[in-house]
Amino acid sequence: MAGVEMSAQQISEFFKTILEIPFDAKKDDISSRKYNQFLELGQAYSTSVREGAEKNSVWAALQAVTRYADHDRSVQKGSQREDVARFNSAQFGTGDAIKGKAMQLLLPMVKDKVLIAA
């Protein structure tokens, strides 16, 4: 995945797809919540690259989504401690769903280029 490149435009469209933001939406057409999530994904991408993920790679895009879903995104904790709520979301809830969606979108880009265990 680190060896498969994505353009900056592809990465932006990938993040928009994850967040269900239309590609042609203008900033004023996007809710503040969705726009902030988009910015947070961009920050997660920058952090992933700074920490060693290959810039403009499928791996960096996936790591950004994982970082965002597991560490950056707010979670509803209800009566749970925040760390427990974050773990449950990341492993079983909406965080898991976001990461699954990312994999569904990215695997076709690498399926002919890398060995994927069945």
Protein backbone atom coordinates (compact mmCIF):
# COMPACT_ATOMS: atom_id res chain seq x y z
CA MET A 1 0.00 0.00 0.00
CA ALA A 2 2.90 2.34 0.68
CA GLY A 3 4.11 1.86 -2.89
CA VAL A 4 0.79 2.71 -4.54
CA GLU A 5 0.48 6.42 -5.20
CA MET A 6 -2.55 8.67 -4.94
CA SER A 7 -2.69 12.26 -6.15
CA ALA A 8 -3.61 15.02 -3.74
CA GLN A 9 -6.94 15.26 -5.59
CA GLN A 10 -7.59 11.52 -5.11
CA ILE A 11 -6.82 11.79 -1.41
CA SER A 12 -9.18 14.75 -1.04
CA GLU A 13 -11.94 12.88 -2.91
CA PHE A 14 -11.28 9.78 -0.78
CA PHE A 15 -11.77 11.82 2.41
CA LYS A 16 -14.92 13.41 0.96
CA THR A 17 -16.28 9.97 0.08
CA ILE A 18 -15.59 8.73 3.61
CA LEU A 19 -17.49 11.72 5.02
CA GLU A 20 -20.21 11.64 2.33
CA ILE A 21 -19.38 15.12 1.04
CA PRO A 22 -20.12 15.67 -2.68
CA PHE A 23 -16.93 16.27 -4.69
CA ASP A 24 -18.29 19.47 -6.20
CA ALA A 25 -19.62 20.93 -2.92
CA LYS A 26 -18.46 24.41 -2.09
CA LYS A 27 -17.37 25.24 1.47
CA ASP A 28 -20.66 27.07 2.12
CA ASP A 29 -22.63 23.99 0.99
CA ILE A 30 -21.00 21.75 3.60
CA SER A 31 -22.15 21.71 7.22
CA SER A 32 -19.66 23.05 9.75
CA ARG A 33 -19.49 19.60 11.33
CA LYS A 34 -18.60 17.84 8.05
CA TYR A 35 -16.16 20.58 7.08
CA ASN A 36 -14.40 20.29 10.44
CA GLN A 37 -14.23 16.51 10.06
CA PHE A 38 -12.68 16.98 6.61
CA LEU A 39 -10.07 19.32 8.11
CA GLU A 40 -9.39 16.82 10.92
CA LEU A 41 -8.80 14.07 8.34
CA GLY A 42 -6.35 16.37 6.58
CA GLN A 43 -4.53 16.96 9.86
CA ALA A 44 -4.48 13.21 10.54
CA TYR A 45 -2.98 12.70 7.07
CA SER A 46 -0.26 15.30 7.74
CA THR A 47 0.55 13.65 11.06
CA SER A 48 0.72 10.19 9.46
CA VAL A 49 3.13 11.47 6.81
CA ARG A 50 5.23 13.30 9.39
CA GLU A 51 5.46 10.04 11.38
CA GLY A 52 6.73 8.07 8.39
CA ALA A 53 3.88 7.08 6.05
CA GLU A 54 4.82 7.61 2.39
CA LYS A 55 3.34 10.90 1.22
CA ASN A 56 0.68 10.53 -1.50
CA SER A 57 0.30 6.81 -0.86
CA VAL A 58 -2.69 4.58 -0.25
CA TRP A 59 -1.04 3.65 3.06
CA ALA A 60 -0.89 7.28 4.23
CA ALA A 61 -4.56 7.78 3.33
CA LEU A 62 -5.54 4.64 5.26
CA GLN A 63 -3.40 5.64 8.24
CA ALA A 64 -5.07 9.06 8.29
CA VAL A 65 -8.52 7.48 8.50
CA THR A 66 -7.36 5.05 11.18
CA ARG A 67 -5.77 7.85 13.24
CA TYR A 68 -8.90 9.97 12.87
CA ALA A 69 -11.31 7.14 13.78
CA ASP A 70 -9.27 5.75 16.68
CA HIS A 71 -7.78 8.88 18.26
CA ASP A 72 -9.01 12.22 16.95
CA ARG A 73 -12.74 11.89 16.39
CA SER A 74 -15.11 12.71 19.23
CA VAL A 75 -17.12 9.83 20.65
CA GLN A 76 -20.35 9.69 22.58
CA LYS A 77 -19.45 8.16 25.88
CA GLY A 78 -22.76 8.03 27.71
CA SER A 79 -22.04 6.47 31.09
CA GLN A 80 -18.72 4.95 29.92
CA ARG A 81 -15.29 6.34 30.60
CA GLU A 82 -13.94 8.15 27.55
CA ASP A 83 -11.18 5.58 26.89
CA VAL A 84 -13.70 2.73 26.98
CA ALA A 85 -16.12 4.59 24.69
CA ARG A 86 -13.26 5.37 22.27
CA PHE A 87 -12.16 1.72 22.20
CA ASN A 88 -15.71 0.48 21.63
CA SER A 89 -16.27 2.95 18.81
CA ALA A 90 -12.94 2.13 17.17
CA GLN A 91 -13.43 -1.63 17.37
CA PHE A 92 -17.18 -2.15 17.09
CA GLY A 93 -18.99 1.10 16.34
CA THR A 94 -18.86 4.03 13.98
CA GLY A 95 -15.06 4.17 14.02
CA ASP A 96 -14.95 0.58 12.85
CA ALA A 97 -17.47 1.40 10.12
CA ILE A 98 -15.38 4.33 8.87
CA LYS A 99 -12.25 2.16 8.73
CA GLY A 100 -14.16 -0.60 6.93
CA LYS A 101 -15.44 1.89 4.36
CA ALA A 102 -11.87 3.13 3.84
CA MET A 103 -10.67 -0.41 3.18
CA GLN A 104 -13.50 -1.04 0.70
CA LEU A 105 -12.49 2.09 -1.21
CA LEU A 106 -8.73 1.54 -1.11
CA LEU A 107 -8.35 -2.21 -1.69
CA PRO A 108 -9.39 -2.04 -5.36
CA MET A 109 -6.54 0.43 -5.92
CA VAL A 110 -3.95 -2.08 -4.71
CA LYS A 111 -5.46 -5.49 -5.49
CA ASP A 112 -3.30 -6.08 -8.58
CA LYS A 113 -0.20 -4.55 -6.99
CA VAL A 114 0.13 -6.25 -3.62
CA LEU A 115 -0.47 -9.68 -2.15
CA ILE A 116 -3.64 -9.69 -0.05
CA ALA A 117 -4.35 -12.70 2.13
CA ALA A 118 -7.73 -14.24 1.46
